[in-house]
C-alpha atoms as a PDB file:
ATOM      1  CA  MET A   1      84.696  92.825  81.420  1.00  0.00           C
ATOM      2  CA  SER A   2      87.478  94.787  79.708  1.00  0.00           C
ATOM      3  CA  LEU A   3      87.207  98.587  79.566  1.00  0.00           C
ATOM      4  CA  VAL A   4      85.054 100.028  82.378  1.00  0.00           C
ATOM      5  CA  SER A   5      84.726 103.111  84.547  1.00  0.00           C
ATOM      6  CA  MET A   6      85.620 103.020  88.231  1.00  0.00           C
ATOM      7  CA  ASN A   7      81.900 102.969  88.993  1.00  0.00           C
ATOM      8  CA  GLU A   8      81.762  99.426  87.686  1.00  0.00           C
ATOM      9  CA  ILE A   9      84.405  98.106  90.074  1.00  0.00           C
ATOM     10  CA  LEU A  10      84.849 100.322  93.144  1.00  0.00           C
ATOM     11  CA  PRO A  11      81.364 100.246  94.740  1.00  0.00           C
ATOM     12  CA  ALA A  12      81.374  96.437  94.760  1.00  0.00           C
ATOM     13  CA  ALA A  13      84.876  96.427  96.245  1.00  0.00           C
ATOM     14  CA  ARG A  14      83.806  98.869  98.984  1.00  0.00           C
ATOM     15  CA  LYS A  15      80.814  96.689  99.808  1.00  0.00           C
ATOM     16  CA  ALA A  16      83.043  93.590  99.944  1.00  0.00           C
ATOM     17  CA  GLY A  17      85.616  95.314 102.174  1.00  0.00           C
ATOM     18  CA  ARG A  18      88.528  95.069  99.752  1.00  0.00           C
ATOM     19  CA  ALA A  19      90.483  97.510  97.583  1.00  0.00           C
ATOM     20  CA  ILE A  20      91.511  97.791  93.944  1.00  0.00           C
ATOM     21  CA  GLY A  21      95.071  98.637  92.933  1.00  0.00           C
ATOM     22  CA  ALA A  22      95.527 101.793  90.851  1.00  0.00           C
ATOM     23  CA  PHE A  23      98.940 101.679  89.198  1.00  0.00           C
ATOM     24  CA  ASN A  24     100.605 104.458  87.204  1.00  0.00           C
ATOM     25  CA  ALA A  25     101.874 103.438  83.798  1.00  0.00           C
ATOM     26  CA  ALA A  26     104.310 105.559  81.805  1.00  0.00           C
ATOM     27  CA  ASN A  27     104.977 103.479  78.697  1.00  0.00           C
ATOM     28  CA  TYR A  28     103.996 100.262  76.916  1.00  0.00           C
ATOM     29  CA  GLU A  29     106.006  98.045  79.244  1.00  0.00           C
ATOM     30  CA  THR A  30     104.551  99.331  82.504  1.00  0.00           C
ATOM     31  CA  ALA A  31     101.041  99.247  81.044  1.00  0.00           C
ATOM     32  CA  VAL A  32     101.419  95.635  79.916  1.00  0.00           C
ATOM     33  CA  ALA A  33     102.761  94.644  83.340  1.00  0.00           C
ATOM     34  CA  ILE A  34      99.583  96.024  84.930  1.00  0.00           C
ATOM     35  CA  ILE A  35      97.366  94.076  82.528  1.00  0.00           C
ATOM     36  CA  LYS A  36      99.363  90.883  83.031  1.00  0.00           C
ATOM     37  CA  ALA A  37      99.043  91.176  86.799  1.00  0.00           C
ATOM     38  CA  ALA A  38      95.280  91.761  86.597  1.00  0.00           C
ATOM     39  CA  GLU A  39      94.773  88.735  84.386  1.00  0.00           C
ATOM     40  CA  ALA A  40      97.005  86.480  86.483  1.00  0.00           C
ATOM     41  CA  GLU A  41      95.158  87.434  89.665  1.00  0.00           C
ATOM     42  CA  LYS A  42      91.733  87.515  87.977  1.00  0.00           C
ATOM     43  CA  SER A  43      91.227  90.934  89.494  1.00  0.00           C
ATOM     44  CA  PRO A  44      89.920  94.329  88.359  1.00  0.00           C
ATOM     45  CA  VAL A  45      92.575  96.991  88.088  1.00  0.00           C
ATOM     46  CA  ILE A  46      92.890 100.729  87.495  1.00  0.00           C
ATOM     47  CA  LEU A  47      95.440 101.729  84.885  1.00  0.00           C
ATOM     48  CA  GLN A  48      96.291 105.385  85.337  1.00  0.00           C
ATOM     49  CA  LEU A  49      98.567 108.090  83.963  1.00  0.00           C
ATOM     50  CA  TYR A  50     100.223 111.019  85.725  1.00  0.00           C
ATOM     51  CA  SER A  51      98.592 114.378  84.991  1.00  0.00           C
ATOM     52  CA  ARG A  52     101.899 115.767  83.721  1.00  0.00           C
ATOM     53  CA  LEU A  53     101.581 113.474  80.708  1.00  0.00           C
ATOM     54  CA  PHE A  54      98.413 115.355  79.788  1.00  0.00           C
ATOM     55  CA  GLY A  55     100.435 118.500  79.258  1.00  0.00           C
ATOM     56  CA  ASN A  56     103.122 117.158  76.934  1.00  0.00           C
ATOM     57  CA  GLY A  57     101.204 115.128  74.363  1.00  0.00           C
ATOM     58  CA  LYS A  58     102.052 111.746  75.820  1.00  0.00           C
ATOM     59  CA  ALA A  59      98.651 111.055  77.395  1.00  0.00           C
ATOM     60  CA  GLU A  60      96.860 111.419  74.069  1.00  0.00           C
ATOM     61  CA  ALA A  61      99.254 109.049  72.320  1.00  0.00           C
ATOM     62  CA  LEU A  62      99.324 106.548  75.184  1.00  0.00           C
ATOM     63  CA  GLY A  63      95.572 106.739  75.661  1.00  0.00           C
ATOM     64  CA  GLY A  64      94.846 104.697  72.557  1.00  0.00           C
ATOM     65  CA  LEU A  65      97.302 102.026  73.699  1.00  0.00           C
ATOM     66  CA  LEU A  66      95.887 101.851  77.222  1.00  0.00           C
ATOM     67  CA  ILE A  67      92.317 101.638  75.996  1.00  0.00           C
ATOM     68  CA  ARG A  68      93.205  98.887  73.524  1.00  0.00           C
ATOM     69  CA  LEU A  69      94.978  96.891  76.234  1.00  0.00           C
ATOM     70  CA  ALA A  70      91.988  97.332  78.535  1.00  0.00           C
ATOM     71  CA  GLU A  71      89.533  96.235  75.865  1.00  0.00           C
ATOM     72  CA  LYS A  72      91.477  93.025  75.283  1.00  0.00           C
ATOM     73  CA  CYS A  73      91.931  92.235  78.972  1.00  0.00           C
ATOM     74  CA  SER A  74      89.844  89.428  80.452  1.00  0.00           C
ATOM     75  CA  GLN A  75      89.374  91.474  83.645  1.00  0.00           C
ATOM     76  CA  PRO A  76      87.683  94.868  84.188  1.00  0.00           C
ATOM     77  CA  VAL A  77      90.129  97.736  83.632  1.00  0.00           C
ATOM     78  CA  ALA A  78      89.437 101.430  84.229  1.00  0.00           C
ATOM     79  CA  VAL A  79      91.699 103.896  82.380  1.00  0.00           C
ATOM     80  CA  HIS A  80      92.124 106.889  84.661  1.00  0.00           C
ATOM     81  CA  MET A  81      93.749 110.334  84.669  1.00  0.00           C
ATOM     82  CA  ASP A  82      95.555 110.752  87.994  1.00  0.00           C
ATOM     83  CA  HIS A  83      95.722 114.177  89.690  1.00  0.00           C
ATOM     84  CA  GLY A  84      94.221 116.214  86.863  1.00  0.00           C
ATOM     85  CA  GLU A  85      95.221 119.836  87.221  1.00  0.00           C
ATOM     86  CA  SER A  86      92.545 121.619  85.196  1.00  0.00           C
ATOM     87  CA  ILE A  87      89.160 121.311  83.536  1.00  0.00           C
ATOM     88  CA  GLU A  88      90.978 121.419  80.199  1.00  0.00           C
ATOM     89  CA  GLN A  89      92.844 118.233  81.140  1.00  0.00           C
ATOM     90  CA  VAL A  90      89.559 116.636  82.194  1.00  0.00           C
ATOM     91  CA  ARG A  91      87.941 117.528  78.860  1.00  0.00           C
ATOM     92  CA  ASN A  92      90.928 116.181  76.944  1.00  0.00           C
ATOM     93  CA  ALA A  93      91.077 112.920  78.865  1.00  0.00           C
ATOM     94  CA  LEU A  94      87.375 112.274  78.311  1.00  0.00           C
ATOM     95  CA  SER A  95      87.595 113.164  74.609  1.00  0.00           C
ATOM     96  CA  TRP A  96      90.498 110.711  74.208  1.00  0.00           C
ATOM     97  CA  GLY A  97      88.446 107.894  75.688  1.00  0.00           C
ATOM     98  CA  TYR A  98      89.615 107.730  79.290  1.00  0.00           C
ATOM     99  CA  THR A  99      86.869 106.179  81.391  1.00  0.00           C
ATOM    100  CA  SER A 100      87.754 107.972  84.606  1.00  0.00           C
ATOM    101  CA  VAL A 101      89.280 111.288  85.658  1.00  0.00           C
ATOM    102  CA  MET A 102      90.532 112.943  88.807  1.00  0.00           C
ATOM    103  CA  LEU A 103      90.384 116.680  89.325  1.00  0.00           C
ATOM    104  CA  ASP A 104      92.734 117.502  92.194  1.00  0.00           C
ATOM    105  CA  GLY A 105      91.635 120.787  93.710  1.00  0.00           C
ATOM    106  CA  SER A 106      93.009 119.960  97.139  1.00  0.00           C
ATOM    107  CA  ARG A 107      95.312 122.982  97.181  1.00  0.00           C
ATOM    108  CA  LEU A 108      92.379 125.334  96.561  1.00  0.00           C
ATOM    109  CA  PRO A 109      90.103 126.939  99.153  1.00  0.00           C
ATOM    110  CA  PHE A 110      87.148 124.673  99.974  1.00  0.00           C
ATOM    111  CA  ALA A 111      84.556 126.532  97.864  1.00  0.00           C
ATOM    112  CA  GLU A 112      86.828 126.611  94.810  1.00  0.00           C
ATOM    113  CA  ASN A 113      87.659 122.931  95.205  1.00  0.00           C
ATOM    114  CA  VAL A 114      83.933 122.139  95.324  1.00  0.00           C
ATOM    115  CA  ALA A 115      83.223 124.234  92.239  1.00  0.00           C
ATOM    116  CA  VAL A 116      85.967 122.855  90.004  1.00  0.00           C
ATOM    117  CA  THR A 117      85.472 119.258  91.147  1.00  0.00           C
ATOM    118  CA  SER A 118      81.719 119.503  90.569  1.00  0.00           C
ATOM    119  CA  GLU A 119      82.368 120.679  87.026  1.00  0.00           C
ATOM    120  CA  ALA A 120      84.691 117.734  86.424  1.00  0.00           C
ATOM    121  CA  VAL A 121      82.088 115.321  87.817  1.00  0.00           C
ATOM    122  CA  ALA A 122      79.411 116.730  85.513  1.00  0.00           C
ATOM    123  CA  LEU A 123      81.662 116.399  82.466  1.00  0.00           C
ATOM    124  CA  ALA A 124      82.573 112.819  83.346  1.00  0.00           C
ATOM    125  CA  HIS A 125      79.020 111.728  84.068  1.00  0.00           C
ATOM    126  CA  ALA A 126      77.818 113.233  80.788  1.00  0.00           C
ATOM    127  CA  VAL A 127      79.864 110.636  78.889  1.00  0.00           C
ATOM    128  CA  GLY A 128      79.424 107.723  81.298  1.00  0.00           C
ATOM    129  CA  ALA A 129      82.825 108.128  82.959  1.00  0.00           C
ATOM    130  CA  SER A 130      83.648 108.308  86.667  1.00  0.00           C
ATOM    131  CA  ALA A 131      85.265 111.127  88.622  1.00  0.00           C
ATOM    132  CA  GLU A 132      87.527 111.310  91.674  1.00  0.00           C
ATOM    133  CA  GLY A 133      88.162 114.332  93.877  1.00  0.00           C
ATOM    134  CA  GLU A 134      90.444 115.080  96.810  1.00  0.00           C
ATOM    135  CA  ILE A 135      89.825 116.784 100.139  1.00  0.00           C
ATOM    136  CA  GLY A 136      92.672 117.478 102.507  1.00  0.00           C
ATOM    137  CA  HIS A 137      96.035 117.379 100.736  1.00  0.00           C
ATOM    138  CA  VAL A 138      98.418 114.470 100.183  1.00  0.00           C
ATOM    139  CA  ALA A 139     101.738 116.184  99.478  1.00  0.00           C
ATOM    140  CA  MET A 140     105.198 115.081  98.376  1.00  0.00           C
ATOM    141  CA  GLY A 141     107.566 113.921 101.091  1.00  0.00           C
ATOM    142  CA  ASP A 142     106.316 113.965 104.660  1.00  0.00           C
ATOM    143  CA  ALA A 143     104.279 117.188 104.782  1.00  0.00           C
ATOM    144  CA  THR A 144     100.543 116.649 104.458  1.00  0.00           C
ATOM    145  CA  ALA A 145      97.238 118.268 105.485  1.00  0.00           C
ATOM    146  CA  LEU A 146      94.821 115.777 107.015  1.00  0.00           C
ATOM    147  CA  SER A 147      91.203 115.703 105.910  1.00  0.00           C
ATOM    148  CA  ASP A 148      88.570 117.119 108.245  1.00  0.00           C
ATOM    149  CA  VAL A 149      85.593 114.802 108.792  1.00  0.00           C
ATOM    150  CA  GLU A 150      82.829 117.414 108.517  1.00  0.00           C
ATOM    151  CA  GLU A 151      84.459 119.159 105.573  1.00  0.00           C
ATOM    152  CA  THR A 152      84.946 115.822 103.831  1.00  0.00           C
ATOM    153  CA  CYS A 153      81.269 114.956 104.193  1.00  0.00           C
ATOM    154  CA  ARG A 154      80.171 118.372 102.872  1.00  0.00           C
ATOM    155  CA  PHE A 155      82.552 118.019  99.936  1.00  0.00           C
ATOM    156  CA  ALA A 156      81.225 114.568  99.008  1.00  0.00           C
ATOM    157  CA  ALA A 157      77.613 115.742  99.163  1.00  0.00           C
ATOM    158  CA  ALA A 158      78.258 118.903  97.158  1.00  0.00           C
ATOM    159  CA  THR A 159      80.367 117.407  94.384  1.00  0.00           C
ATOM    160  CA  LYS A 160      78.757 113.960  93.928  1.00  0.00           C
ATOM    161  CA  VAL A 161      82.198 112.438  93.292  1.00  0.00           C
ATOM    162  CA  ASP A 162      82.331 108.705  92.557  1.00  0.00           C
ATOM    163  CA  ALA A 163      85.518 108.238  94.595  1.00  0.00           C
ATOM    164  CA  LEU A 164      87.114 110.515  97.157  1.00  0.00           C
ATOM    165  CA  ALA A 165      90.803 110.779  97.988  1.00  0.00           C
ATOM    166  CA  VAL A 166      91.295 111.537 101.681  1.00  0.00           C
ATOM    167  CA  SER A 167      94.420 112.522 103.544  1.00  0.00           C
ATOM    168  CA  ILE A 168      95.047 110.311 106.587  1.00  0.00           C
ATOM    169  CA  GLY A 169      98.823 110.617 106.934  1.00  0.00           C
ATOM    170  CA  THR A 170     100.307 109.327 103.699  1.00  0.00           C
ATOM    171  CA  ALA A 171     102.470 111.302 101.261  1.00  0.00           C
ATOM    172  CA  HIS A 172     103.550 110.905  97.653  1.00  0.00           C
ATOM    173  CA  GLY A 173     106.948 109.392  96.842  1.00  0.00           C
ATOM    174  CA  TYR A 174     109.374 107.755  99.245  1.00  0.00           C
ATOM    175  CA  TYR A 175     109.203 108.638 102.929  1.00  0.00           C
ATOM    176  CA  LYS A 176     112.058 109.998 105.012  1.00  0.00           C
ATOM    177  CA  GLN A 177     110.549 108.196 107.986  1.00  0.00           C
ATOM    178  CA  THR A 178     107.783 105.648 108.418  1.00  0.00           C
ATOM    179  CA  PRO A 179     104.374 107.350 108.114  1.00  0.00           C
ATOM    180  CA  LYS A 180     101.788 107.117 110.850  1.00  0.00           C
ATOM    181  CA  LEU A 181      98.327 106.680 109.419  1.00  0.00           C
ATOM    182  CA  ASP A 182      95.440 108.234 111.315  1.00  0.00           C
ATOM    183  CA  LEU A 183      93.249 105.152 111.220  1.00  0.00           C
ATOM    184  CA  GLU A 184      90.738 106.673 113.619  1.00  0.00           C
ATOM    185  CA  LEU A 185      90.207 109.532 111.166  1.00  0.00           C
ATOM    186  CA  CYS A 186      89.800 106.980 108.384  1.00  0.00           C
ATOM    187  CA  ARG A 187      87.241 105.096 110.471  1.00  0.00           C
ATOM    188  CA  GLN A 188      85.203 108.232 111.144  1.00  0.00           C
ATOM    189  CA  ILE A 189      85.143 109.238 107.473  1.00  0.00           C
ATOM    190  CA  GLY A 190      84.323 105.707 106.366  1.00  0.00           C
ATOM    191  CA  GLU A 191      81.414 105.456 108.786  1.00  0.00           C
ATOM    192  CA  ARG A 192      80.007 108.834 107.711  1.00  0.00           C
ATOM    193  CA  LEU A 193      80.312 107.961 104.012  1.00  0.00           C
ATOM    194  CA  PRO A 194      79.469 104.239 103.958  1.00  0.00           C
ATOM    195  CA  GLY A 195      78.638 104.016 100.258  1.00  0.00           C
ATOM    196  CA  LEU A 196      81.478 106.096  98.859  1.00  0.00           C
ATOM    197  CA  PRO A 197      84.766 104.464  97.775  1.00  0.00           C
ATOM    198  CA  LEU A 198      87.637 106.225  99.543  1.00  0.00           C
ATOM    199  CA  VAL A 199      91.060 106.570  97.924  1.00  0.00           C
ATOM    200  CA  LEU A 200      94.504 106.286  99.489  1.00  0.00           C
ATOM    201  CA  HIS A 201      97.162 108.268  97.640  1.00  0.00           C
ATOM    202  CA  GLY A 202     100.803 107.809  98.601  1.00  0.00           C
ATOM    203  CA  GLY A 203     100.761 104.034  98.785  1.00  0.00           C
ATOM    204  CA  THR A 204     104.485 103.700  98.125  1.00  0.00           C
ATOM    205  CA  GLY A 205     106.364 102.824 101.305  1.00  0.00           C
ATOM    206  CA  THR A 206     103.269 102.868 103.504  1.00  0.00           C
ATOM    207  CA  PRO A 207     103.370  99.825 105.804  1.00  0.00           C
ATOM    208  CA  LEU A 208     101.204  97.151 104.240  1.00  0.00           C
ATOM    209  CA  GLU A 209      99.676  96.270 107.588  1.00  0.00           C
ATOM    210  CA  ASP A 210      98.399  99.847 107.945  1.00  0.00           C
ATOM    211  CA  VAL A 211      97.122  99.879 104.366  1.00  0.00           C
ATOM    212  CA  GLN A 212      95.155  96.703 105.019  1.00  0.00           C
ATOM    213  CA  LYS A 213      93.667  98.160 108.198  1.00  0.00           C
ATOM    214  CA  ALA A 214      92.615 101.232 106.225  1.00  0.00           C
ATOM    215  CA  ILE A 215      90.937  98.991 103.651  1.00  0.00           C
ATOM    216  CA  THR A 216      88.719  97.520 106.357  1.00  0.00           C
ATOM    217  CA  LEU A 217      87.711 101.096 107.238  1.00  0.00           C
ATOM    218  CA  GLY A 218      86.590 102.143 103.751  1.00  0.00           C
ATOM    219  CA  ILE A 219      89.690 102.695 101.609  1.00  0.00           C
ATOM    220  CA  THR A 220      88.796 101.107  98.268  1.00  0.00           C
ATOM    221  CA  LYS A 221      91.387 102.406  95.779  1.00  0.00           C
ATOM    222  CA  ILE A 222      95.133 102.286  96.504  1.00  0.00           C
ATOM    223  CA  ASN A 223      97.428 104.407  94.334  1.00  0.00           C
ATOM    224  CA  ILE A 224     100.909 103.057  93.653  1.00  0.00           C
ATOM    225  CA  ALA A 225     103.219 105.059  91.400  1.00  0.00           C
ATOM    226  CA  THR A 226     106.781 105.635  92.670  1.00  0.00           C
ATOM    227  CA  GLU A 227     107.271 102.088  93.918  1.00  0.00           C
ATOM    228  CA  PHE A 228     106.042 100.585  90.648  1.00  0.00           C
ATOM    229  CA  GLN A 229     108.073 102.914  88.434  1.00  0.00           C
ATOM    230  CA  HIS A 230     111.186 102.259  90.499  1.00  0.00           C
ATOM    231  CA  THR A 231     110.643  98.494  90.254  1.00  0.00           C
ATOM    232  CA  PHE A 232     110.651  98.840  86.470  1.00  0.00           C
ATOM    233  CA  LEU A 233     113.789 100.991  86.395  1.00  0.00           C
ATOM    234  CA  LYS A 234     115.686  98.671  88.734  1.00  0.00           C
ATOM    235  CA  ALA A 235     114.749  95.670  86.595  1.00  0.00           C
ATOM    236  CA  VAL A 236     115.977  97.400  83.455  1.00  0.00           C
ATOM    237  CA  GLN A 237     119.198  98.509  85.129  1.00  0.00           C
ATOM    238  CA  ALA A 238     119.930  95.005  86.429  1.00  0.00           C
ATOM    239  CA  ASP A 239     119.380  93.441  83.016  1.00  0.00           C
ATOM    240  CA  LEU A 240     121.528  96.063  81.294  1.00  0.00           C
ATOM    241  CA  GLU A 241     124.364  95.267  83.684  1.00  0.00           C
ATOM    242  CA  ALA A 242     123.882  91.540  83.096  1.00  0.00           C
ATOM    243  CA  ALA A 243     124.037  92.071  79.325  1.00  0.00           C
ATOM    244  CA  ASN A 244     127.577  93.425  79.812  1.00  0.00           C
ATOM    245  CA  GLY A 245     127.403  95.627  76.742  1.00  0.00           C
ATOM    246  CA  ASN A 246     126.083  92.928  74.413  1.00  0.00           C
ATOM    247  CA  PHE A 247     123.274  93.874  72.057  1.00  0.00           C
ATOM    248  CA  ILE A 248     119.794  92.528  72.762  1.00  0.00           C
ATOM    249  CA  PRO A 249     116.794  93.609  70.638  1.00  0.00           C
ATOM    250  CA  VAL A 250     114.776  96.067  72.689  1.00  0.00           C
ATOM    251  CA  ASP A 251     111.511  94.138  72.402  1.00  0.00           C
ATOM    252  CA  LYS A 252     113.152  90.950  73.668  1.00  0.00           C
ATOM    253  CA  PHE A 253     115.120  92.789  76.343  1.00  0.00           C
ATOM    254  CA  MET A 254     111.935  94.280  77.816  1.00  0.00           C
ATOM    255  CA  ASP A 255     110.179  90.939  78.285  1.00  0.00           C
ATOM    256  CA  ALA A 256     111.970  90.132  81.556  1.00  0.00           C
ATOM    257  CA  PRO A 257     111.394  93.538  83.225  1.00  0.00           C
ATOM    258  CA  ILE A 258     107.717  93.320  82.290  1.00  0.00           C
ATOM    259  CA  GLU A 259     107.406  89.937  83.961  1.00  0.00           C
ATOM    260  CA  ARG A 260     109.179  91.089  87.135  1.00  0.00           C
ATOM    261  CA  CYS A 261     106.979  94.171  87.368  1.00  0.00           C
ATOM    262  CA  ALA A 262     103.868  92.071  86.850  1.00  0.00           C
ATOM    263  CA  GLU A 263     104.937  89.732  89.640  1.00  0.00           C
ATOM    264  CA  HIS A 264     105.468  92.696  91.971  1.00  0.00           C
ATOM    265  CA  LEU A 265     101.982  94.009  91.183  1.00  0.00           C
ATOM    266  CA  ARG A 266     100.425  90.587  91.689  1.00  0.00           C
ATOM    267  CA  LYS A 267     101.606  90.628  95.303  1.00  0.00           C
ATOM    268  CA  LEU A 268     100.070  94.067  95.830  1.00  0.00           C
ATOM    269  CA  ILE A 269      96.769  93.074  94.219  1.00  0.00           C
ATOM    270  CA  ARG A 270      96.512  90.093  96.547  1.00  0.00           C
ATOM    271  CA  ALA A 271      97.343  92.218  99.565  1.00  0.00           C
ATOM    272  CA  PHE A 272      94.754  94.858  98.644  1.00  0.00           C
ATOM    273  CA  ALA A 273      92.127  92.140  98.250  1.00  0.00           C
ATOM    274  CA  LEU A 274      93.109  90.983 101.775  1.00  0.00           C
ATOM    275  CA  ARG A 275      94.044  87.587 100.375  1.00  0.00           C
END
């Protein structure tokens, strides 16, 4: 149990036809909420950090905390770098003890994406970590570039990634209008790559019914960032307003937002497990 790579949880989930939640932490409170939800649901979980935190010193400092929380958790927890932007970030994450990394080369030409992702995979595998890549491009807002089936299969074979993010109609952040997932595309990719865990980025605001259909077609890792972070901020704001200017010690004040965030994640974990 405790600290693992994604290779120790995703292949079994793909075989069982369920998905694992991958939630973006940003501080102690959001990280603890993820751990609490995993333990309450007796479920593996992926605790991940935004790549921007790897460029400002925060990922190194938070890494020790995340790893310690994972090691003490009764359930398997992978500590993952989300949307890594460079090989330098990959090297840093692995040297700080992260058990999984993503190199996002989806904006690059195909050959360059293959080359840089393959390098990241080799670095991760050398230390027993797992690596995720992306083909097609999941953008911010509503603009996105769908994955091509043949290109996706060539990319998976060339890079040997452990998990592959595909673009089937989702986008990062909140949507301006309800997204329409290309479930037929998902089905085709899933059938061509039956042993490879597929990743859905842009889980926030995507209709849960569509997410669950995608899980039955091979999606095995669901990324949730904006929705989770916003849940935390709204909980803090509501409690600050309820305090009406009265002083509450910060550690005690944060207990309630942590619990509400954990409860929100518990519902998602159950949904992703198709329970």
